[in-house]
Protein backbone atom coordinates (compact mmCIF):
# COMPACT_ATOMS: atom_id res chain seq x y z
CA MET A 1 9.72 14.12 -27.08
CA LYS A 2 10.67 11.29 -29.46
CA PHE A 3 14.02 11.94 -32.28
CA GLY A 4 13.64 10.18 -35.66
CA LEU A 5 16.57 10.60 -38.70
CA PHE A 6 15.36 11.63 -42.16
CA TYR A 7 17.22 10.59 -45.85
CA VAL A 8 16.47 11.22 -48.83
CA LEU A 9 19.77 9.23 -50.12
CA GLU A 10 21.36 12.07 -51.89
CA ALA A 11 24.30 11.31 -54.12
CA PRO A 12 26.37 14.52 -54.79
CA ASP A 13 29.47 12.62 -56.71
CA GLY A 14 26.95 10.09 -58.49
CA ASP A 15 28.24 7.23 -55.84
CA TYR A 16 24.89 5.11 -55.52
CA ARG A 17 26.46 2.33 -53.98
CA LYS A 18 27.87 5.19 -51.30
CA ALA A 19 25.29 6.74 -50.32
CA TRP A 20 23.33 3.16 -49.98
CA THR A 21 25.80 1.94 -47.74
CA ARG A 22 26.37 4.60 -45.62
CA MET A 23 22.66 5.49 -45.15
CA MET A 24 22.59 1.98 -44.00
CA GLY A 25 25.39 2.21 -41.59
CA GLN A 26 24.08 5.54 -39.92
CA ILE A 27 20.73 3.90 -39.49
CA GLN A 28 21.85 0.95 -37.82
CA TYR A 29 24.47 3.06 -35.74
CA GLY A 30 20.97 5.11 -34.50
CA GLU A 31 19.08 2.60 -33.91
CA GLU A 32 22.26 1.82 -31.11
CA LEU A 33 22.33 4.99 -30.14
CA GLY A 34 18.06 5.40 -29.24
CA TYR A 35 17.00 7.24 -32.31
CA GLU A 36 13.09 6.06 -32.54
CA SER A 37 12.69 6.20 -36.26
CA VAL A 38 14.17 6.51 -39.45
CA TRP A 39 12.00 8.63 -42.26
CA LEU A 40 12.44 8.41 -46.23
CA ALA A 41 11.79 10.43 -49.42
CA GLU A 42 10.77 10.14 -52.50
CA HIS A 43 12.22 11.97 -55.44
CA HIS A 44 12.81 11.26 -58.94
CA GLY A 45 15.11 12.28 -61.70
CA SER A 46 18.30 14.12 -59.75
CA LEU A 47 21.23 13.53 -57.40
CA TYR A 48 18.95 15.89 -54.90
CA GLY A 49 17.67 12.30 -53.95
CA THR A 50 17.75 8.82 -55.20
CA MET A 51 14.84 6.71 -53.62
CA PRO A 52 12.48 6.23 -55.98
CA ARG A 53 10.59 3.51 -54.33
CA LEU A 54 9.97 4.11 -50.74
CA ALA A 55 8.93 0.61 -50.04
CA VAL A 56 12.11 -0.53 -51.02
CA ALA A 57 14.24 0.96 -49.22
CA ALA A 58 11.91 0.40 -46.70
CA ALA A 59 11.74 -3.24 -46.72
CA ALA A 60 15.21 -3.46 -46.85
CA ILE A 61 15.47 -0.90 -43.63
CA ALA A 62 12.68 -3.03 -41.67
CA GLU A 63 14.74 -6.41 -42.17
CA ARG A 64 18.03 -4.60 -40.71
CA THR A 65 16.22 -2.69 -38.02
CA THR A 66 14.52 -4.39 -35.13
CA THR A 67 13.03 -1.25 -32.98
CA MET A 68 12.94 2.33 -35.21
CA ARG A 69 9.51 2.69 -36.80
CA ILE A 70 9.80 3.59 -40.38
CA GLY A 71 8.11 6.46 -41.77
CA THR A 72 7.77 7.94 -45.03
CA ALA A 73 8.15 11.26 -45.44
CA VAL A 74 6.46 11.16 -48.12
CA THR A 75 5.25 9.14 -50.17
CA ILE A 76 4.28 11.10 -53.66
CA LEU A 77 0.86 9.79 -53.92
CA PRO A 78 0.25 11.50 -57.77
CA PHE A 79 2.69 9.83 -58.99
CA ALA A 80 1.78 5.93 -58.86
CA ASN A 81 -1.52 3.77 -58.72
CA PRO A 82 -2.95 3.60 -55.61
CA VAL A 83 -4.01 0.20 -55.95
CA ARG A 84 -0.38 -0.54 -55.65
CA THR A 85 0.67 1.69 -53.36
CA ALA A 86 -1.88 0.33 -50.63
CA GLU A 87 -0.09 -3.57 -51.44
CA ASP A 88 2.92 -2.11 -51.46
CA PHE A 89 3.09 -0.32 -48.06
CA ALA A 90 0.80 -2.87 -46.72
CA MET A 91 3.58 -5.38 -47.06
CA VAL A 92 6.25 -3.32 -45.36
CA ASP A 93 3.86 -3.02 -43.15
CA VAL A 94 4.11 -6.80 -42.56
CA ILE A 95 7.26 -6.86 -43.16
CA SER A 96 8.37 -4.71 -39.98
CA ASN A 97 5.57 -6.40 -37.75
CA GLY A 98 3.43 -3.22 -37.76
CA ARG A 99 7.12 -0.55 -37.39
CA LEU A 100 5.09 1.91 -40.71
CA ASP A 101 5.02 5.46 -40.23
CA PHE A 102 2.77 6.03 -43.40
CA GLY A 103 3.85 9.95 -44.70
CA VAL A 104 2.01 10.96 -47.83
CA GLY A 105 2.31 14.07 -50.35
CA ARG A 106 1.90 15.28 -53.13
CA ALA A 107 5.60 16.31 -54.69
CA TYR A 108 6.60 20.27 -55.70
CA GLN A 109 9.00 19.53 -58.17
CA PRO A 110 7.96 20.70 -61.35
CA LEU A 111 11.28 18.26 -63.21
CA GLU A 112 9.60 15.22 -61.44
CA PHE A 113 5.90 15.76 -63.18
CA LYS A 114 7.41 16.16 -66.32
CA ASN A 115 10.15 13.11 -66.18
CA MET A 116 6.56 11.21 -64.88
CA GLY A 117 4.81 12.37 -68.06
CA LEU A 118 2.33 14.65 -65.78
CA GLY A 119 3.91 17.62 -66.80
CA ASP A 120 0.45 19.08 -67.48
CA ARG A 121 -1.21 17.97 -64.26
CA GLN A 122 1.30 19.62 -61.60
CA ASP A 123 -2.25 22.64 -61.54
CA HIS A 124 -3.96 19.07 -60.41
CA SER A 125 -1.75 17.83 -58.11
CA ARG A 126 -3.88 18.47 -54.73
CA GLU A 127 -7.16 17.08 -56.45
CA LEU A 128 -4.83 14.04 -57.47
CA PHE A 129 -3.38 13.44 -54.45
CA GLN A 130 -6.79 13.43 -52.12
CA GLU A 131 -8.30 10.90 -54.54
CA SER A 132 -5.49 8.23 -54.43
CA LEU A 133 -5.52 9.15 -50.16
CA GLU A 134 -8.67 8.42 -49.88
CA ILE A 135 -7.95 5.01 -52.35
CA VAL A 136 -5.45 4.07 -49.92
CA LEU A 137 -7.21 4.16 -46.86
CA GLY A 138 -10.35 2.55 -47.90
CA LEU A 139 -8.63 0.06 -49.07
CA TRP A 140 -6.84 -0.88 -45.16
CA SER A 141 -10.19 -0.21 -43.78
CA ASN A 142 -12.24 -2.14 -46.44
CA GLU A 143 -12.15 -5.90 -47.00
CA LYS A 144 -13.31 -4.72 -50.21
CA PHE A 145 -13.46 -1.00 -51.58
CA SER A 146 -15.06 0.51 -54.54
CA TYR A 147 -14.10 4.11 -55.76
CA HIS A 148 -15.55 6.07 -58.09
CA GLY A 149 -14.17 9.69 -58.58
CA LYS A 150 -12.62 11.82 -61.28
CA HIS A 151 -9.26 10.06 -61.66
CA TRP A 152 -9.92 6.71 -60.51
CA GLN A 153 -12.54 4.01 -60.64
CA LEU A 154 -12.77 1.02 -58.57
CA ASP A 155 -15.27 -1.89 -57.90
CA GLU A 156 -15.17 -4.27 -55.56
CA VAL A 157 -11.17 -4.38 -54.95
CA GLU A 158 -9.06 -6.70 -52.04
CA CYS A 159 -6.19 -5.33 -51.02
CA HIS A 160 -3.58 -8.48 -49.89
CA PRO A 161 -1.36 -8.45 -47.91
CA ARG A 162 -3.69 -6.54 -45.00
CA PRO A 163 -1.70 -4.41 -42.86
CA ILE A 164 -0.92 -5.63 -39.04
CA GLN A 165 -1.26 -2.08 -37.58
CA LYS A 166 -4.86 -1.18 -37.48
CA PRO A 167 -4.84 2.21 -38.41
CA ILE A 168 -1.26 2.83 -39.91
CA PRO A 169 -0.82 6.57 -38.74
CA ILE A 170 -0.91 8.70 -41.59
CA HIS A 171 0.82 12.01 -41.84
CA VAL A 172 0.32 14.39 -44.37
CA ALA A 173 3.14 16.83 -45.81
CA ALA A 174 2.35 20.44 -45.16
CA ILE A 175 4.98 22.57 -46.76
CA SER A 176 2.87 25.65 -48.15
CA PRO A 177 0.62 27.22 -45.85
CA GLU A 178 -2.60 26.33 -48.04
CA THR A 179 -1.61 22.79 -46.85
CA PHE A 180 -1.87 22.98 -43.04
CA GLY A 181 -5.16 23.97 -42.86
CA MET A 182 -6.32 21.29 -45.57
CA VAL A 183 -4.94 18.84 -43.87
CA ALA A 184 -6.56 19.73 -40.36
CA ALA A 185 -9.82 19.30 -42.73
CA MET A 186 -9.03 16.06 -43.28
CA ASP A 187 -8.83 15.45 -39.45
CA LEU A 188 -5.22 13.98 -40.45
CA ASN A 189 -1.75 14.10 -38.71
CA ILE A 190 0.58 16.61 -40.50
CA ILE A 191 4.68 16.55 -41.43
CA GLN A 192 5.87 19.59 -40.79
CA ALA A 193 9.45 20.89 -42.42
CA ALA A 194 11.15 24.03 -41.46
CA THR A 195 13.62 23.85 -44.61
CA LEU A 196 12.06 26.72 -46.45
CA MET A 197 9.89 28.46 -43.66
CA PRO A 198 11.33 30.87 -40.78
CA LEU A 199 10.36 29.05 -37.76
CA GLY A 200 7.91 31.90 -36.87
CA GLU A 201 5.92 31.44 -39.41
CA LEU A 202 5.79 27.37 -39.11
CA LYS A 203 4.57 28.14 -35.13
CA THR A 204 1.99 30.01 -36.22
CA PHE A 205 0.65 27.34 -38.85
CA CYS A 206 1.18 24.38 -36.89
CA LEU A 207 -0.69 26.18 -33.78
CA ASP A 208 -3.34 27.18 -36.01
CA ALA A 209 -3.88 23.90 -37.46
CA LYS A 210 -3.92 22.15 -33.61
CA ARG A 211 -6.82 24.52 -32.86
CA LYS A 212 -8.49 23.05 -36.13
CA LEU A 213 -8.05 19.48 -34.87
CA MET A 214 -9.17 20.30 -31.30
CA HIS A 215 -12.44 21.92 -32.65
CA LYS A 216 -13.11 18.38 -33.75
CA GLY A 217 -12.90 16.67 -30.50
CA HIS A 218 -8.67 16.21 -30.57
CA ARG A 219 -6.97 17.04 -27.26
CA PRO A 220 -3.57 19.00 -27.66
CA GLU A 221 -1.46 16.52 -26.05
CA THR A 222 -2.39 13.67 -28.86
CA ILE A 223 -1.90 15.62 -31.65
CA ASP A 224 1.76 14.71 -33.49
CA PHE A 225 2.93 16.65 -35.80
CA PRO A 226 6.78 15.54 -36.69
CA LEU A 227 9.06 17.81 -37.57
CA LEU A 228 11.67 17.60 -40.08
CA TRP A 229 15.17 19.65 -39.29
CA ILE A 230 18.03 19.84 -40.96
CA THR A 231 20.93 19.46 -38.02
CA HIS A 232 24.35 19.22 -37.16
CA VAL A 233 25.81 19.23 -34.12
CA ALA A 234 29.45 20.19 -32.96
CA LYS A 235 31.74 21.35 -30.12
CA THR A 236 31.41 24.86 -31.34
CA PHE A 237 29.38 26.95 -33.87
CA GLU A 238 32.50 27.54 -36.65
CA GLU A 239 33.82 23.57 -35.89
CA GLY A 240 29.88 22.99 -37.25
CA LYS A 241 29.88 25.53 -39.72
CA GLN A 242 34.03 24.76 -41.16
CA ARG A 243 32.11 20.58 -41.13
CA SER A 244 28.71 21.47 -42.99
CA ALA A 245 29.26 24.64 -45.01
CA SER A 246 29.64 23.29 -48.40
CA ALA A 247 27.53 20.02 -48.02
CA LEU A 248 24.94 22.84 -46.96
CA LYS A 249 25.19 25.10 -49.63
CA TRP A 250 24.96 22.06 -52.39
CA TYR A 251 21.71 20.69 -50.53
CA PHE A 252 20.36 25.08 -50.70
CA ASP A 253 21.04 25.57 -54.09
CA THR A 254 20.00 22.14 -55.52
CA LEU A 255 16.98 22.34 -53.99
CA LEU A 256 16.21 25.94 -54.64
CA ALA A 257 16.78 25.26 -58.69
CA LEU A 258 14.03 22.31 -58.47
CA VAL A 259 11.58 24.36 -56.60
CA PRO A 260 8.84 26.10 -59.00
CA GLN A 261 9.97 29.06 -60.21
CA GLY A 262 8.48 32.54 -60.78
CA ALA A 263 5.05 34.10 -61.13
CA LYS A 264 4.59 30.86 -64.08
CA SER A 265 4.37 28.43 -60.92
CA PRO A 266 2.13 26.00 -60.78
CA LYS A 267 -1.23 26.76 -59.24
CA SER A 268 -0.76 26.08 -55.00
CA TYR A 269 2.37 26.35 -55.72
CA GLU A 270 3.36 29.97 -54.74
CA ALA A 271 5.15 29.71 -51.41
CA PHE A 272 7.86 27.41 -53.29
CA ALA A 273 8.06 29.90 -56.02
CA ALA A 274 8.57 33.17 -53.29
CA ALA A 275 11.07 31.23 -51.09
CA ALA A 276 13.16 30.35 -54.34
CA ASP A 277 13.20 33.89 -55.51
CA ALA A 278 14.28 35.62 -52.75
CA TYR A 279 17.10 32.88 -51.91
CA HIS A 280 18.14 33.68 -55.71
CA HIS A 281 17.50 37.46 -55.27
CA ALA A 282 19.58 37.20 -52.07
CA GLY A 283 22.49 35.52 -53.60
CA GLY A 284 22.03 32.64 -51.57
CA PHE A 285 21.57 32.93 -47.68
CA PRO A 286 24.35 32.66 -45.12
CA VAL A 287 23.85 29.81 -42.75
CA GLU A 288 23.97 32.30 -40.12
CA THR A 289 20.80 33.79 -41.50
CA LEU A 290 19.26 30.35 -42.08
CA ASN A 291 20.24 29.33 -38.35
CA GLU A 292 18.87 32.69 -37.00
CA VAL A 293 15.54 32.11 -38.44
CA GLY A 294 15.41 28.18 -37.83
CA ASN A 295 15.53 27.20 -41.43
CA LEU A 296 18.04 25.13 -39.95
CA ILE A 297 19.90 24.33 -36.37
CA LEU A 298 24.04 24.48 -36.44
CA GLY A 299 25.58 24.81 -33.60
CA THR A 300 26.27 23.36 -30.10
CA PRO A 301 24.59 20.63 -28.30
CA GLU A 302 23.29 23.80 -25.66
CA PHE A 303 21.99 25.26 -28.94
CA ALA A 304 20.40 22.52 -30.23
CA ALA A 305 18.25 22.05 -26.82
CA GLN A 306 17.68 25.34 -26.79
CA ARG A 307 15.58 24.98 -30.06
CA MET A 308 13.93 21.63 -28.97
CA ALA A 309 12.49 23.34 -25.83
CA GLU A 310 11.39 26.20 -27.51
CA VAL A 311 9.44 23.58 -30.07
CA ARG A 312 8.35 22.09 -27.34
CA ASP A 313 7.35 24.93 -25.18
CA GLU A 314 5.89 27.15 -28.04
CA MET A 315 3.96 24.67 -30.23
CA GLY A 316 3.77 21.04 -28.42
CA GLN A 317 6.17 19.61 -30.55
CA GLN A 318 6.85 15.87 -30.04
CA GLU A 319 8.54 15.01 -32.45
CA VAL A 320 11.68 15.74 -34.18
CA ILE A 321 12.87 14.24 -37.32
CA LEU A 322 16.79 15.22 -37.58
CA TRP A 323 18.17 15.50 -40.96
CA MET A 324 21.82 15.39 -40.68
CA GLN A 325 23.11 13.35 -43.85
CA VAL A 326 22.48 16.31 -45.40
CA GLY A 327 24.04 17.39 -48.82
CA GLY A 328 26.98 14.77 -49.15
CA LEU A 329 27.87 15.35 -45.72
CA ASP A 330 30.89 13.54 -44.95
CA ASP A 331 29.74 10.51 -43.06
CA ARG A 332 32.38 10.79 -40.40
CA HIS A 333 30.93 14.13 -39.32
CA VAL A 334 27.50 12.96 -39.52
CA ARG A 335 27.72 10.31 -37.33
CA ASP A 336 29.73 12.78 -34.97
CA SER A 337 27.08 14.96 -34.43
CA MET A 338 24.35 11.72 -34.05
CA ARG A 339 26.44 10.94 -31.54
CA ILE A 340 26.51 14.39 -29.73
CA PHE A 341 22.75 15.04 -30.13
CA ALA A 342 21.84 11.29 -28.64
CA THR A 343 24.11 11.93 -25.74
CA GLU A 344 24.00 15.60 -24.65
CA VAL A 345 20.57 16.57 -25.83
CA MET A 346 17.98 13.90 -26.32
CA PRO A 347 18.23 12.63 -22.65
CA ARG A 348 16.67 16.32 -21.71
CA PHE A 349 13.28 15.43 -23.39
CA LYS A 350 13.24 11.93 -23.85
CA GLY A 351 10.47 9.92 -21.64
CA LYS A 352 9.03 13.47 -20.48
CA PRO A 353 5.05 13.84 -20.75
CA PRO A 354 3.61 16.47 -23.37
CA VAL A 355 3.63 19.97 -23.11
CA VAL A 356 0.63 22.18 -23.96
CA PRO A 357 1.71 25.64 -24.92
CA PRO A 358 -0.24 28.09 -23.64
CA ALA A 359 -1.68 29.26 -27.35
CA LEU A 360 -3.12 26.13 -26.73
CA ARG A 361 -4.39 26.28 -23.48
CA GLU A 362 -6.67 28.86 -23.85
CA ALA A 363 -8.13 27.17 -27.23
CA GLU A 364 -9.14 24.55 -25.11
CA ALA A 365 -10.71 26.20 -22.32
CA LYS A 366 -12.80 28.26 -24.91
């Protein structure tokens, strides 16, 4: 298994420089500890996440690291000209000497669509996303590329610079159940997140998507769906809870105020509205509940290792992205969690061959 780090660059206190300096220091420390990748999320218009242009951050990280892969989780395709997106990230691939993992999504926060002048187009985000992705892939795969769709018209466009990797690994965010099926149908990899979906449901959708790819001829051990997981490891559960409870509350309160709400949520975003309704109706879920259902990992190294073994053995998980800097958590505690995980959990899994779970072995035999 491989392990990476994840950042949205949240700034609960509005100190953007502190947030940036803290993130960059942790990334460099993570490379020293043996984390193999860092993943960045694009957000707009709130303190929840303050990286509006991921290519800028990714280029800076490329200059301060040497081995870590640099992923986007995700770049929001409907918010930008797809030609510019292809150019920007081709340049990141060049600067990083071929270390880019390109994760893409369509966004889910109504405020972001409103701030980008697209408030009336969230219902159409899936078709905007699909056209943009087809254009980016076309520009990276062809010397000249033309496209005639509903939203974009291109004739004989060239992308310069051209990426070093051929091809750049592509991952599509799947948070709602419908997206798992759509991405599998497109024959692309998925980025999964346990944040708003109980682990039991996530296993079901993940295995179903992998079966669809197997029907297209993929072997199960070659299917890599990185899994994003909020994680804080400490000597005891109580110590971890004491360190992280207020930061986790800020994160979930902030997130679930930003997702689509109620019966009037945009089409294809119903899963977000349902999660927000359940959270608000319950008055917020205690960290014990979120930990139990698998929305996060909070506890000892042994507990974290058990969760890693669970997703490896039951889902065939090969890569986990750890969201440790969450909700403005103190830098000292983040680094301590990073160190404990790297020294006491990672060695049990790194370098081991992929596991094909029973559910996929049965599908492979048919």
